[in-house]
Every structure is written in structure tokens, then in C-alpha cells.
Amino acid sequence: MSTPLYQLKAEFFKTLGHPVRIRVLELLSEREHGVAEMLRDTGVEAAYLSQQLAVLRRANLVVARREGTAVYYALTSPQVAELLRIARTILSGVLAGQAELLADLRAGGPARPSRETAP
């Protein structure tokens, strides 16, 4: 029996569920990057970055190429960059809604119960 699609999607999103991996994918959405550049731009240790890149390689989200002693990474598909853009749009909408709610609360939304009337 094959794995249900929803389970595969969950595994895919788990792969994306790490800040360093998201940062790497964002960098690679711009262009190919060398490991040295990503170390500088992510601010993590080399061994840690290597682990995160290995996860992304296993998920077939990035591909590596060697040029002399340098290793460069690129996205396997421009759709990964599109997914990150869509996530940003969704988050912007969510945060805008939360900002509106906060503004409403600060403007005198429903009052909190006082200690005298609280059960």
C-alpha cells in the first residue's frame, strides 16, 4: 500500500519546518550560493549548516555542485521559491489581521472584567 498524499505533504512541511532551512531556501531563491556565503548569511556553524543542507538534499529541494574545493547549492525547482513567496503573502495577511485586532483592542474594545465581577 502506498503512502497517502496527506502524509507525504506533512513530511514535506516538516522538512520546511526549521528556520535555518527556510533561510537557506530564501537565499537560494535569489540565486545559487556557495557554502561560505550561506555560512556568513545564516550565522550558524559549518557542521550545523551541513546537516540542514543534507536534509534539504534528501528532500530533493536543493542540489549541490562542486567547483574545485568550493560547493555551491541551488534550488531544484523555481516552485520552491514560489512556495516561499506564497507563504510570505499568507503570513502578511495573518499579521495584518492580528494588527487590526490589536488596534481595535487598544482603541477600547470590550473591557476586561474587573476583579470584583470576575468569578
PDB file of N, CA and C in Angstrom:
ATOM      1  N   MET A   1       0.842  -1.184   0.000  1.00  0.00           N
ATOM      2  CA  MET A   1       0.000   0.000   0.000  1.00  0.00           C
ATOM      3  C   MET A   1       0.888   1.249   0.000  1.00  0.00           C
ATOM      4  N   SER A   2       0.547   2.214  -0.806  1.00  0.00           N
ATOM      5  CA  SER A   2       1.366   3.418  -0.903  1.00  0.00           C
ATOM      6  C   SER A   2       1.025   4.405   0.217  1.00  0.00           C
ATOM      7  N   THR A   3       1.936   5.315   0.458  1.00  0.00           N
ATOM      8  CA  THR A   3       1.753   6.331   1.497  1.00  0.00           C
ATOM      9  C   THR A   3       0.714   7.342   1.024  1.00  0.00           C
ATOM     10  N   PRO A   4      -0.263   7.674   1.885  1.00  0.00           N
ATOM     11  CA  PRO A   4      -1.269   8.663   1.493  1.00  0.00           C
ATOM     12  C   PRO A   4      -0.627  10.018   1.205  1.00  0.00           C
ATOM     13  N   LEU A   5      -1.206  10.736   0.270  1.00  0.00           N
ATOM     14  CA  LEU A   5      -0.677  12.032  -0.130  1.00  0.00           C
ATOM     15  C   LEU A   5      -0.598  13.000   1.048  1.00  0.00           C
ATOM     16  N   TYR A   6      -1.606  12.999   1.905  1.00  0.00           N
ATOM     17  CA  TYR A   6      -1.586  13.928   3.041  1.00  0.00           C
ATOM     18  C   TYR A   6      -0.401  13.659   3.963  1.00  0.00           C
ATOM     19  N   GLN A   7      -0.007  12.402   4.083  1.00  0.00           N
ATOM     20  CA  GLN A   7       1.148  12.065   4.915  1.00  0.00           C
ATOM     21  C   GLN A   7       2.443  12.548   4.257  1.00  0.00           C
ATOM     22  N   LEU A   8       2.535  12.403   2.940  1.00  0.00           N
ATOM     23  CA  LEU A   8       3.704  12.906   2.213  1.00  0.00           C
ATOM     24  C   LEU A   8       3.804  14.425   2.326  1.00  0.00           C
ATOM     25  N   LYS A   9       2.659  15.084   2.256  1.00  0.00           N
ATOM     26  CA  LYS A   9       2.652  16.545   2.410  1.00  0.00           C
ATOM     27  C   LYS A   9       3.116  16.941   3.806  1.00  0.00           C
ATOM     28  N   ALA A  10       2.664  16.211   4.808  1.00  0.00           N
ATOM     29  CA  ALA A  10       3.081  16.504   6.182  1.00  0.00           C
ATOM     30  C   ALA A  10       4.591  16.368   6.323  1.00  0.00           C
ATOM     31  N   GLU A  11       5.161  15.327   5.742  1.00  0.00           N
ATOM     32  CA  GLU A  11       6.619  15.134   5.780  1.00  0.00           C
ATOM     33  C   GLU A  11       7.330  16.283   5.058  1.00  0.00           C
ATOM     34  N   PHE A  12       6.779  16.704   3.943  1.00  0.00           N
ATOM     35  CA  PHE A  12       7.347  17.820   3.187  1.00  0.00           C
ATOM     36  C   PHE A  12       7.365  19.086   4.052  1.00  0.00           C
ATOM     37  N   PHE A  13       6.246  19.376   4.711  1.00  0.00           N
ATOM     38  CA  PHE A  13       6.195  20.575   5.537  1.00  0.00           C
ATOM     39  C   PHE A  13       7.070  20.455   6.783  1.00  0.00           C
ATOM     40  N   LYS A  14       7.266  19.249   7.287  1.00  0.00           N
ATOM     41  CA  LYS A  14       8.212  19.056   8.389  1.00  0.00           C
ATOM     42  C   LYS A  14       9.620  19.441   7.934  1.00  0.00           C
ATOM     43  N   THR A  15       9.949  19.078   6.712  1.00  0.00           N
ATOM     44  CA  THR A  15      11.260  19.439   6.169  1.00  0.00           C
ATOM     45  C   THR A  15      11.420  20.950   6.139  1.00  0.00           C
ATOM     46  N   LEU A  16      10.352  21.651   5.825  1.00  0.00           N
ATOM     47  CA  LEU A  16      10.403  23.112   5.776  1.00  0.00           C
ATOM     48  C   LEU A  16      10.318  23.748   7.162  1.00  0.00           C
ATOM     49  N   GLY A  17      10.007  22.952   8.168  1.00  0.00           N
ATOM     50  CA  GLY A  17       9.737  23.474   9.492  1.00  0.00           C
ATOM     51  C   GLY A  17      10.965  23.762  10.335  1.00  0.00           C
ATOM     52  N   HIS A  18      11.967  24.365   9.754  1.00  0.00           N
ATOM     53  CA  HIS A  18      13.171  24.720  10.504  1.00  0.00           C
ATOM     54  C   HIS A  18      13.668  26.072  10.009  1.00  0.00           C
ATOM     55  N   PRO A  19      13.933  27.016  10.915  1.00  0.00           N
ATOM     56  CA  PRO A  19      14.324  28.367  10.491  1.00  0.00           C
ATOM     57  C   PRO A  19      15.571  28.417   9.603  1.00  0.00           C
ATOM     58  N   VAL A  20      16.576  27.612   9.902  1.00  0.00           N
ATOM     59  CA  VAL A  20      17.792  27.653   9.084  1.00  0.00           C
ATOM     60  C   VAL A  20      17.503  27.132   7.677  1.00  0.00           C
ATOM     61  N   ARG A  21      16.691  26.093   7.581  1.00  0.00           N
ATOM     62  CA  ARG A  21      16.353  25.566   6.255  1.00  0.00           C
ATOM     63  C   ARG A  21      15.561  26.575   5.450  1.00  0.00           C
ATOM     64  N   ILE A  22      14.642  27.265   6.112  1.00  0.00           N
ATOM     65  CA  ILE A  22      13.883  28.310   5.418  1.00  0.00           C
ATOM     66  C   ILE A  22      14.824  29.414   4.959  1.00  0.00           C
ATOM     67  N   ARG A  23      15.743  29.825   5.807  1.00  0.00           N
ATOM     68  CA  ARG A  23      16.695  30.883   5.434  1.00  0.00           C
ATOM     69  C   ARG A  23      17.538  30.457   4.242  1.00  0.00           C
ATOM     70  N   VAL A  24      18.002  29.213   4.244  1.00  0.00           N
ATOM     71  CA  VAL A  24      18.786  28.699   3.116  1.00  0.00           C
ATOM     72  C   VAL A  24      17.957  28.737   1.838  1.00  0.00           C
ATOM     73  N   LEU A  25      16.719  28.286   1.921  1.00  0.00           N
ATOM     74  CA  LEU A  25      15.860  28.284   0.727  1.00  0.00           C
ATOM     75  C   LEU A  25      15.580  29.705   0.242  1.00  0.00           C
ATOM     76  N   GLU A  26      15.426  30.636   1.182  1.00  0.00           N
ATOM     77  CA  GLU A  26      15.248  32.034   0.781  1.00  0.00           C
ATOM     78  C   GLU A  26      16.480  32.546   0.037  1.00  0.00           C
ATOM     79  N   LEU A  27      17.651  32.248   0.562  1.00  0.00           N
ATOM     80  CA  LEU A  27      18.883  32.677  -0.106  1.00  0.00           C
ATOM     81  C   LEU A  27      18.968  32.079  -1.507  1.00  0.00           C
ATOM     82  N   LEU A  28      18.659  30.790  -1.600  1.00  0.00           N
ATOM     83  CA  LEU A  28      18.757  30.106  -2.890  1.00  0.00           C
ATOM     84  C   LEU A  28      17.642  30.531  -3.842  1.00  0.00           C
ATOM     85  N   SER A  29      16.590  31.126  -3.318  1.00  0.00           N
ATOM     86  CA  SER A  29      15.531  31.656  -4.176  1.00  0.00           C
ATOM     87  C   SER A  29      16.035  32.839  -4.998  1.00  0.00           C
ATOM     88  N   GLU A  30      17.041  33.519  -4.453  1.00  0.00           N
ATOM     89  CA  GLU A  30      17.632  34.667  -5.153  1.00  0.00           C
ATOM     90  C   GLU A  30      18.574  34.206  -6.260  1.00  0.00           C
ATOM     91  N   ARG A  31      19.435  33.219  -5.915  1.00  0.00           N
ATOM     92  CA  ARG A  31      20.443  32.711  -6.855  1.00  0.00           C
ATOM     93  C   ARG A  31      21.212  31.581  -6.190  1.00  0.00           C
ATOM     94  N   GLU A  32      22.058  30.937  -6.952  1.00  0.00           N
ATOM     95  CA  GLU A  32      22.943  29.915  -6.410  1.00  0.00           C
ATOM     96  C   GLU A  32      23.875  30.550  -5.377  1.00  0.00           C
ATOM     97  N   HIS A  33      24.169  29.808  -4.306  1.00  0.00           N
ATOM     98  CA  HIS A  33      25.064  30.303  -3.258  1.00  0.00           C
ATOM     99  C   HIS A  33      26.104  29.258  -2.925  1.00  0.00           C
ATOM    100  N   GLY A  34      27.295  29.735  -2.615  1.00  0.00           N
ATOM    101  CA  GLY A  34      28.330  28.861  -2.089  1.00  0.00           C
ATOM    102  C   GLY A  34      28.127  28.650  -0.605  1.00  0.00           C
ATOM    103  N   VAL A  35      28.679  27.575  -0.104  1.00  0.00           N
ATOM    104  CA  VAL A  35      28.543  27.269   1.321  1.00  0.00           C
ATOM    105  C   VAL A  35      29.120  28.402   2.167  1.00  0.00           C
ATOM    106  N   ALA A  36      30.257  28.952   1.759  1.00  0.00           N
ATOM    107  CA  ALA A  36      30.870  30.043   2.533  1.00  0.00           C
ATOM    108  C   ALA A  36      29.922  31.233   2.652  1.00  0.00           C
ATOM    109  N   GLU A  37      29.233  31.564   1.565  1.00  0.00           N
ATOM    110  CA  GLU A  37      28.259  32.667   1.603  1.00  0.00           C
ATOM    111  C   GLU A  37      27.115  32.345   2.564  1.00  0.00           C
ATOM    112  N   MET A  38      26.619  31.112   2.488  1.00  0.00           N
ATOM    113  CA  MET A  38      25.496  30.737   3.344  1.00  0.00           C
ATOM    114  C   MET A  38      25.905  30.731   4.812  1.00  0.00           C
ATOM    115  N   LEU A  39      27.139  30.341   5.092  1.00  0.00           N
ATOM    116  CA  LEU A  39      27.620  30.399   6.479  1.00  0.00           C
ATOM    117  C   LEU A  39      27.557  31.830   6.988  1.00  0.00           C
ATOM    118  N   ARG A  40      28.028  32.754   6.178  1.00  0.00           N
ATOM    119  CA  ARG A  40      28.006  34.162   6.564  1.00  0.00           C
ATOM    120  C   ARG A  40      26.572  34.672   6.731  1.00  0.00           C
ATOM    121  N   ASP A  41      25.703  34.308   5.796  1.00  0.00           N
ATOM    122  CA  ASP A  41      24.346  34.852   5.792  1.00  0.00           C
ATOM    123  C   ASP A  41      23.408  34.192   6.801  1.00  0.00           C
ATOM    124  N   THR A  42      23.717  32.976   7.211  1.00  0.00           N
ATOM    125  CA  THR A  42      22.867  32.305   8.203  1.00  0.00           C
ATOM    126  C   THR A  42      23.392  32.470   9.617  1.00  0.00           C
ATOM    127  N   GLY A  43      24.700  32.671   9.758  1.00  0.00           N
ATOM    128  CA  GLY A  43      25.294  32.852  11.074  1.00  0.00           C
ATOM    129  C   GLY A  43      25.352  31.586  11.915  1.00  0.00           C
ATOM    130  N   VAL A  44      25.332  30.424  11.264  1.00  0.00           N
ATOM    131  CA  VAL A  44      25.412  29.164  12.012  1.00  0.00           C
ATOM    132  C   VAL A  44      26.762  28.512  11.761  1.00  0.00           C
ATOM    133  N   GLU A  45      27.084  27.524  12.574  1.00  0.00           N
ATOM    134  CA  GLU A  45      28.339  26.785  12.424  1.00  0.00           C
ATOM    135  C   GLU A  45      28.298  25.919  11.167  1.00  0.00           C
ATOM    136  N   ALA A  46      29.465  25.636  10.623  1.00  0.00           N
ATOM    137  CA  ALA A  46      29.572  24.866   9.381  1.00  0.00           C
ATOM    138  C   ALA A  46      28.928  23.485   9.500  1.00  0.00           C
ATOM    139  N   ALA A  47      29.172  22.792  10.599  1.00  0.00           N
ATOM    140  CA  ALA A  47      28.606  21.446  10.769  1.00  0.00           C
ATOM    141  C   ALA A  47      27.081  21.497  10.818  1.00  0.00           C
ATOM    142  N   TYR A  48      26.541  22.516  11.465  1.00  0.00           N
ATOM    143  CA  TYR A  48      25.085  22.660  11.572  1.00  0.00           C
ATOM    144  C   TYR A  48      24.473  22.965  10.211  1.00  0.00           C
ATOM    145  N   LEU A  49      25.103  23.866   9.463  1.00  0.00           N
ATOM    146  CA  LEU A  49      24.621  24.178   8.113  1.00  0.00           C
ATOM    147  C   LEU A  49      24.673  22.931   7.240  1.00  0.00           C
ATOM    148  N   SER A  50      25.741  22.170   7.362  1.00  0.00           N
ATOM    149  CA  SER A  50      25.888  20.942   6.592  1.00  0.00           C
ATOM    150  C   SER A  50      24.742  19.971   6.876  1.00  0.00           C
ATOM    151  N   GLN A  51      24.361  19.853   8.140  1.00  0.00           N
ATOM    152  CA  GLN A  51      23.232  18.978   8.499  1.00  0.00           C
ATOM    153  C   GLN A  51      21.939  19.450   7.843  1.00  0.00           C
ATOM    154  N   GLN A  52      21.706  20.740   7.885  1.00  0.00           N
ATOM    155  CA  GLN A  52      20.468  21.275   7.320  1.00  0.00           C
ATOM    156  C   GLN A  52      20.455  21.145   5.797  1.00  0.00           C
ATOM    157  N   LEU A  53      21.589  21.348   5.168  1.00  0.00           N
ATOM    158  CA  LEU A  53      21.678  21.161   3.719  1.00  0.00           C
ATOM    159  C   LEU A  53      21.445  19.699   3.347  1.00  0.00           C
ATOM    160  N   ALA A  54      21.928  18.782   4.173  1.00  0.00           N
ATOM    161  CA  ALA A  54      21.708  17.356   3.915  1.00  0.00           C
ATOM    162  C   ALA A  54      20.217  17.023   3.954  1.00  0.00           C
ATOM    163  N   VAL A  55      19.496  17.606   4.895  1.00  0.00           N
ATOM    164  CA  VAL A  55      18.043  17.387   4.968  1.00  0.00           C
ATOM    165  C   VAL A  55      17.381  17.896   3.688  1.00  0.00           C
ATOM    166  N   LEU A  56      17.778  19.078   3.250  1.00  0.00           N
ATOM    167  CA  LEU A  56      17.192  19.655   2.034  1.00  0.00           C
ATOM    168  C   LEU A  56      17.564  18.847   0.783  1.00  0.00           C
ATOM    169  N   ARG A  57      18.774  18.307   0.755  1.00  0.00           N
ATOM    170  CA  ARG A  57      19.179  17.449  -0.380  1.00  0.00           C
ATOM    171  C   ARG A  57      18.361  16.168  -0.403  1.00  0.00           C
ATOM    172  N   ARG A  58      18.196  15.537   0.772  1.00  0.00           N
ATOM    173  CA  ARG A  58      17.412  14.292   0.839  1.00  0.00           C
ATOM    174  C   ARG A  58      15.973  14.515   0.398  1.00  0.00           C
ATOM    175  N   ALA A  59      15.446  15.695   0.672  1.00  0.00           N
ATOM    176  CA  ALA A  59      14.077  16.037   0.270  1.00  0.00           C
ATOM    177  C   ALA A  59      14.010  16.481  -1.190  1.00  0.00           C
ATOM    178  N   ASN A  60      15.166  16.506  -1.856  1.00  0.00           N
ATOM    179  CA  ASN A  60      15.266  16.918  -3.260  1.00  0.00           C
ATOM    180  C   ASN A  60      14.807  18.367  -3.487  1.00  0.00           C
ATOM    181  N   LEU A  61      15.077  19.219  -2.505  1.00  0.00           N
ATOM    182  CA  LEU A  61      14.755  20.635  -2.635  1.00  0.00           C
ATOM    183  C   LEU A  61      15.941  21.450  -3.125  1.00  0.00           C
ATOM    184  N   VAL A  62      17.145  20.942  -2.867  1.00  0.00           N
ATOM    185  CA  VAL A  62      18.358  21.617  -3.325  1.00  0.00           C
ATOM    186  C   VAL A  62      19.285  20.608  -3.985  1.00  0.00           C
ATOM    187  N   VAL A  63      20.154  21.137  -4.811  1.00  0.00           N
ATOM    188  CA  VAL A  63      21.170  20.316  -5.470  1.00  0.00           C
ATOM    189  C   VAL A  63      22.516  21.004  -5.278  1.00  0.00           C
ATOM    190  N   ALA A  64      23.562  20.198  -5.120  1.00  0.00           N
ATOM    191  CA  ALA A  64      24.908  20.732  -4.905  1.00  0.00           C
ATOM    192  C   ALA A  64      25.765  20.467  -6.128  1.00  0.00           C
ATOM    193  N   ARG A  65      26.702  21.374  -6.359  1.00  0.00           N
ATOM    194  CA  ARG A  65      27.725  21.148  -7.387  1.00  0.00           C
ATOM    195  C   ARG A  65      29.056  21.607  -6.827  1.00  0.00           C
ATOM    196  N   ARG A  66      30.088  20.912  -7.194  1.00  0.00           N
ATOM    197  CA  ARG A  66      31.430  21.210  -6.704  1.00  0.00           C
ATOM    198  C   ARG A  66      32.204  21.927  -7.807  1.00  0.00           C
ATOM    199  N   GLU A  67      32.930  22.964  -7.397  1.00  0.00           N
ATOM    200  CA  GLU A  67      33.817  23.693  -8.301  1.00  0.00           C
ATOM    201  C   GLU A  67      35.143  23.848  -7.558  1.00  0.00           C
ATOM    202  N   GLY A  68      36.081  22.989  -7.880  1.00  0.00           N
ATOM    203  CA  GLY A  68      37.334  22.957  -7.120  1.00  0.00           C
ATOM    204  C   GLY A  68      37.040  22.485  -5.719  1.00  0.00           C
ATOM    205  N   THR A  69      37.420  23.302  -4.746  1.00  0.00           N
ATOM    206  CA  THR A  69      37.149  22.941  -3.356  1.00  0.00           C
ATOM    207  C   THR A  69      35.845  23.557  -2.848  1.00  0.00           C
ATOM    208  N   ALA A  70      35.243  24.429  -3.640  1.00  0.00           N
ATOM    209  CA  ALA A  70      34.010  25.097  -3.223  1.00  0.00           C
ATOM    210  C   ALA A  70      32.785  24.269  -3.615  1.00  0.00           C
ATOM    211  N   VAL A  71      31.761  24.346  -2.781  1.00  0.00           N
ATOM    212  CA  VAL A  71      30.490  23.683  -3.062  1.00  0.00           C
ATOM    213  C   VAL A  71      29.416  24.756  -3.170  1.00  0.00           C
ATOM    214  N   TYR A  72      28.630  24.659  -4.235  1.00  0.00           N
ATOM    215  CA  TYR A  72      27.560  25.610  -4.498  1.00  0.00           C
ATOM    216  C   TYR A  72      26.227  24.882  -4.485  1.00  0.00           C
ATOM    217  N   TYR A  73      25.206  25.572  -3.992  1.00  0.00           N
ATOM    218  CA  TYR A  73      23.868  24.996  -3.916  1.00  0.00           C
ATOM    219  C   TYR A  73      22.887  25.835  -4.721  1.00  0.00           C
ATOM    220  N   ALA A  74      21.880  25.152  -5.250  1.00  0.00           N
ATOM    221  CA  ALA A  74      20.798  25.806  -5.985  1.00  0.00           C
ATOM    222  C   ALA A  74      19.507  25.060  -5.694  1.00  0.00           C
ATOM    223  N   LEU A  75      18.391  25.721  -5.919  1.00  0.00           N
ATOM    224  CA  LEU A  75      17.094  25.063  -5.791  1.00  0.00           C
ATOM    225  C   LEU A  75      16.913  24.074  -6.933  1.00  0.00           C
ATOM    226  N   THR A  76      16.210  22.996  -6.665  1.00  0.00           N
ATOM    227  CA  THR A  76      15.925  22.030  -7.727  1.00  0.00           C
ATOM    228  C   THR A  76      14.767  22.481  -8.595  1.00  0.00           C
ATOM    229  N   SER A  77      13.955  23.405  -8.088  1.00  0.00           N
ATOM    230  CA  SER A  77      12.794  23.869  -8.832  1.00  0.00           C
ATOM    231  C   SER A  77      12.472  25.308  -8.451  1.00  0.00           C
ATOM    232  N   PRO A  78      12.110  26.139  -9.418  1.00  0.00           N
ATOM    233  CA  PRO A  78      11.694  27.510  -9.082  1.00  0.00           C
ATOM    234  C   PRO A  78      10.390  27.523  -8.283  1.00  0.00           C
ATOM    235  N   GLN A  79       9.671  26.412  -8.265  1.00  0.00           N
ATOM    236  CA  GLN A  79       8.428  26.342  -7.495  1.00  0.00           C
ATOM    237  C   GLN A  79       8.688  26.446  -5.996  1.00  0.00           C
ATOM    238  N   VAL A  80       9.887  26.072  -5.555  1.00  0.00           N
ATOM    239  CA  VAL A  80      10.235  26.223  -4.135  1.00  0.00           C
ATOM    240  C   VAL A  80      10.241  27.712  -3.786  1.00  0.00           C
ATOM    241  N   ALA A  81      10.822  28.529  -4.644  1.00  0.00           N
ATOM    242  CA  ALA A  81      10.836  29.976  -4.420  1.00  0.00           C
ATOM    243  C   ALA A  81       9.409  30.527  -4.433  1.00  0.00           C
ATOM    244  N   GLU A  82       8.585  30.007  -5.315  1.00  0.00           N
ATOM    245  CA  GLU A  82       7.187  30.439  -5.390  1.00  0.00           C
ATOM    246  C   GLU A  82       6.446  30.077  -4.100  1.00  0.00           C
ATOM    247  N   LEU A  83       6.698  28.889  -3.571  1.00  0.00           N
ATOM    248  CA  LEU A  83       6.087  28.472  -2.313  1.00  0.00           C
ATOM    249  C   LEU A  83       6.462  29.432  -1.189  1.00  0.00           C
ATOM    250  N   LEU A  84       7.711  29.842  -1.136  1.00  0.00           N
ATOM    251  CA  LEU A  84       8.143  30.791  -0.101  1.00  0.00           C
ATOM    252  C   LEU A  84       7.469  32.148  -0.278  1.00  0.00           C
ATOM    253  N   ARG A  85       7.286  32.570  -1.537  1.00  0.00           N
ATOM    254  CA  ARG A  85       6.577  33.839  -1.792  1.00  0.00           C
ATOM    255  C   ARG A  85       5.117  33.737  -1.343  1.00  0.00           C
ATOM    256  N   ILE A  86       4.487  32.610  -1.619  1.00  0.00           N
ATOM    257  CA  ILE A  86       3.097  32.411  -1.215  1.00  0.00           C
ATOM    258  C   ILE A  86       2.999  32.402   0.310  1.00  0.00           C
ATOM    259  N   ALA A  87       3.928  31.734   0.980  1.00  0.00           N
ATOM    260  CA  ALA A  87       3.933  31.707   2.450  1.00  0.00           C
ATOM    261  C   ALA A  87       4.057  33.122   3.000  1.00  0.00           C
ATOM    262  N   ARG A  88       4.895  33.937   2.383  1.00  0.00           N
ATOM    263  CA  ARG A  88       5.057  35.330   2.831  1.00  0.00           C
ATOM    264  C   ARG A  88       3.752  36.104   2.678  1.00  0.00           C
ATOM    265  N   THR A  89       3.063  35.891   1.572  1.00  0.00           N
ATOM    266  CA  THR A  89       1.782  36.561   1.340  1.00  0.00           C
ATOM    267  C   THR A  89       0.750  36.146   2.383  1.00  0.00           C
ATOM    268  N   ILE A  90       0.674  34.852   2.659  1.00  0.00           N
ATOM    269  CA  ILE A  90      -0.263  34.350   3.668  1.00  0.00           C
ATOM    270  C   ILE A  90       0.067  34.947   5.025  1.00  0.00           C
ATOM    271  N   LEU A  91       1.331  34.922   5.415  1.00  0.00           N
ATOM    272  CA  LEU A  91       1.738  35.464   6.713  1.00  0.00           C
ATOM    273  C   LEU A  91       1.456  36.959   6.813  1.00  0.00           C
ATOM    274  N   SER A  92       1.667  37.674   5.723  1.00  0.00           N
ATOM    275  CA  SER A  92       1.374  39.110   5.723  1.00  0.00           C
ATOM    276  C   SER A  92      -0.098  39.359   6.018  1.00  0.00           C
ATOM    277  N   GLY A  93      -0.968  38.552   5.411  1.00  0.00           N
ATOM    278  CA  GLY A  93      -2.402  38.688   5.669  1.00  0.00           C
ATOM    279  C   GLY A  93      -2.762  38.357   7.101  1.00  0.00           C
ATOM    280  N   VAL A  94      -2.174  37.288   7.623  1.00  0.00           N
ATOM    281  CA  VAL A  94      -2.441  36.889   9.013  1.00  0.00           C
ATOM    282  C   VAL A  94      -1.977  37.985   9.968  1.00  0.00           C
ATOM    283  N   LEU A  95      -0.774  38.483   9.760  1.00  0.00           N
ATOM    284  CA  LEU A  95      -0.238  39.510  10.644  1.00  0.00           C
ATOM    285  C   LEU A  95      -1.015  40.816  10.525  1.00  0.00           C
ATOM    286  N   ALA A  96      -1.478  41.131   9.320  1.00  0.00           N
ATOM    287  CA  ALA A  96      -2.297  42.339   9.145  1.00  0.00           C
ATOM    288  C   ALA A  96      -3.589  42.203   9.941  1.00  0.00           C
ATOM    289  N   GLY A  97      -4.183  41.017   9.901  1.00  0.00           N
ATOM    290  CA  GLY A  97      -5.401  40.784  10.680  1.00  0.00           C
ATOM    291  C   GLY A  97      -5.151  40.901  12.170  1.00  0.00           C
ATOM    292  N   GLN A  98      -4.011  40.397  12.628  1.00  0.00           N
ATOM    293  CA  GLN A  98      -3.673  40.497  14.046  1.00  0.00           C
ATOM    294  C   GLN A  98      -3.402  41.945  14.430  1.00  0.00           C
ATOM    295  N   ALA A  99      -2.784  42.704  13.533  1.00  0.00           N
ATOM    296  CA  ALA A  99      -2.516  44.115  13.818  1.00  0.00           C
ATOM    297  C   ALA A  99      -3.835  44.881  13.943  1.00  0.00           C
ATOM    298  N   GLU A 100      -4.802  44.544  13.100  1.00  0.00           N
ATOM    299  CA  GLU A 100      -6.111  45.202  13.183  1.00  0.00           C
ATOM    300  C   GLU A 100      -6.789  44.865  14.503  1.00  0.00           C
ATOM    301  N   LEU A 101      -6.713  43.611  14.919  1.00  0.00           N
ATOM    302  CA  LEU A 101      -7.299  43.198  16.185  1.00  0.00           C
ATOM    303  C   LEU A 101      -6.640  43.934  17.343  1.00  0.00           C
ATOM    304  N   LEU A 102      -5.316  44.037  17.314  1.00  0.00           N
ATOM    305  CA  LEU A 102      -4.589  44.750  18.363  1.00  0.00           C
ATOM    306  C   LEU A 102      -5.002  46.220  18.397  1.00  0.00           C
ATOM    307  N   ALA A 103      -5.137  46.830  17.221  1.00  0.00           N
ATOM    308  CA  ALA A 103      -5.563  48.231  17.161  1.00  0.00           C
ATOM    309  C   ALA A 103      -6.964  48.398  17.744  1.00  0.00           C
ATOM    310  N   ASP A 104      -7.856  47.456  17.435  1.00  0.00           N
ATOM    311  CA  ASP A 104      -9.213  47.503  17.987  1.00  0.00           C
ATOM    312  C   ASP A 104      -9.177  47.396  19.511  1.00  0.00           C
ATOM    313  N   LEU A 105      -8.355  46.482  20.021  1.00  0.00           N
ATOM    314  CA  LEU A 105      -8.259  46.314  21.466  1.00  0.00           C
ATOM    315  C   LEU A 105      -7.721  47.571  22.139  1.00  0.00           C
ATOM    316  N   ARG A 106      -6.713  48.167  21.526  1.00  0.00           N
ATOM    317  CA  ARG A 106      -6.125  49.388  22.103  1.00  0.00           C
ATOM    318  C   ARG A 106      -7.085  50.567  22.014  1.00  0.00           C
ATOM    319  N   ALA A 107      -7.975  50.537  21.020  1.00  0.00           N
ATOM    320  CA  ALA A 107      -8.910  51.642  20.833  1.00  0.00           C
ATOM    321  C   ALA A 107     -10.107  51.549  21.780  1.00  0.00           C
ATOM    322  N   GLY A 108     -10.125  50.533  22.620  1.00  0.00           N
ATOM    323  CA  GLY A 108     -11.220  50.446  23.591  1.00  0.00           C
ATOM    324  C   GLY A 108     -12.242  49.399  23.241  1.00  0.00           C
ATOM    325  N   GLY A 109     -11.767  48.265  22.807  1.00  0.00           N
ATOM    326  CA  GLY A 109     -12.669  47.147  22.540  1.00  0.00           C
ATOM    327  C   GLY A 109     -13.350  46.739  23.832  1.00  0.00           C
ATOM    328  N   PRO A 110     -14.002  45.614  23.839  1.00  0.00           N
ATOM    329  CA  PRO A 110     -14.706  45.173  25.056  1.00  0.00           C
ATOM    330  C   PRO A 110     -13.780  45.186  26.279  1.00  0.00           C
ATOM    331  N   ALA A 111     -14.285  45.740  27.339  1.00  0.00           N
ATOM    332  CA  ALA A 111     -13.488  45.854  28.569  1.00  0.00           C
ATOM    333  C   ALA A 111     -13.315  44.487  29.212  1.00  0.00           C
ATOM    334  N   ARG A 112     -12.182  44.327  29.872  1.00  0.00           N
ATOM    335  CA  ARG A 112     -11.944  43.095  30.634  1.00  0.00           C
ATOM    336  C   ARG A 112     -12.775  43.144  31.910  1.00  0.00           C
ATOM    337  N   PRO A 113     -13.219  41.999  32.377  1.00  0.00           N
ATOM    338  CA  PRO A 113     -13.955  42.014  33.649  1.00  0.00           C
ATOM    339  C   PRO A 113     -13.039  42.483  34.781  1.00  0.00           C
ATOM    340  N   SER A 114     -13.631  43.258  35.662  1.00  0.00           N
ATOM    341  CA  SER A 114     -12.830  43.693  36.817  1.00  0.00           C
ATOM    342  C   SER A 114     -12.704  42.542  37.790  1.00  0.00           C
ATOM    343  N   ARG A 115     -11.821  42.700  38.764  1.00  0.00           N
ATOM    344  CA  ARG A 115     -11.606  41.644  39.754  1.00  0.00           C
ATOM    345  C   ARG A 115     -12.857  41.451  40.619  1.00  0.00           C
ATOM    346  N   GLU A 116     -13.613  42.530  40.787  1.00  0.00           N
ATOM    347  CA  GLU A 116     -14.800  42.438  41.634  1.00  0.00           C
ATOM    348  C   GLU A 116     -15.877  41.608  40.960  1.00  0.00           C
ATOM    349  N   THR A 117     -15.979  41.676  39.631  1.00  0.00           N
ATOM    350  CA  THR A 117     -17.060  40.973  38.930  1.00  0.00           C
ATOM    351  C   THR A 117     -16.616  39.644  38.365  1.00  0.00           C
ATOM    352  N   ALA A 118     -15.321  39.398  38.376  1.00  0.00           N
ATOM    353  CA  ALA A 118     -14.835  38.113  37.839  1.00  0.00           C
ATOM    354  C   ALA A 118     -15.195  37.004  38.792  1.00  0.00           C
ATOM    355  N   PRO A 119     -15.605  35.827  38.273  1.00  0.00           N
ATOM    356  CA  PRO A 119     -15.989  34.721  39.146  1.00  0.00           C
ATOM    357  C   PRO A 119     -14.851  34.167  39.951  1.00  0.00           C
TER     358      PRO A 119
END
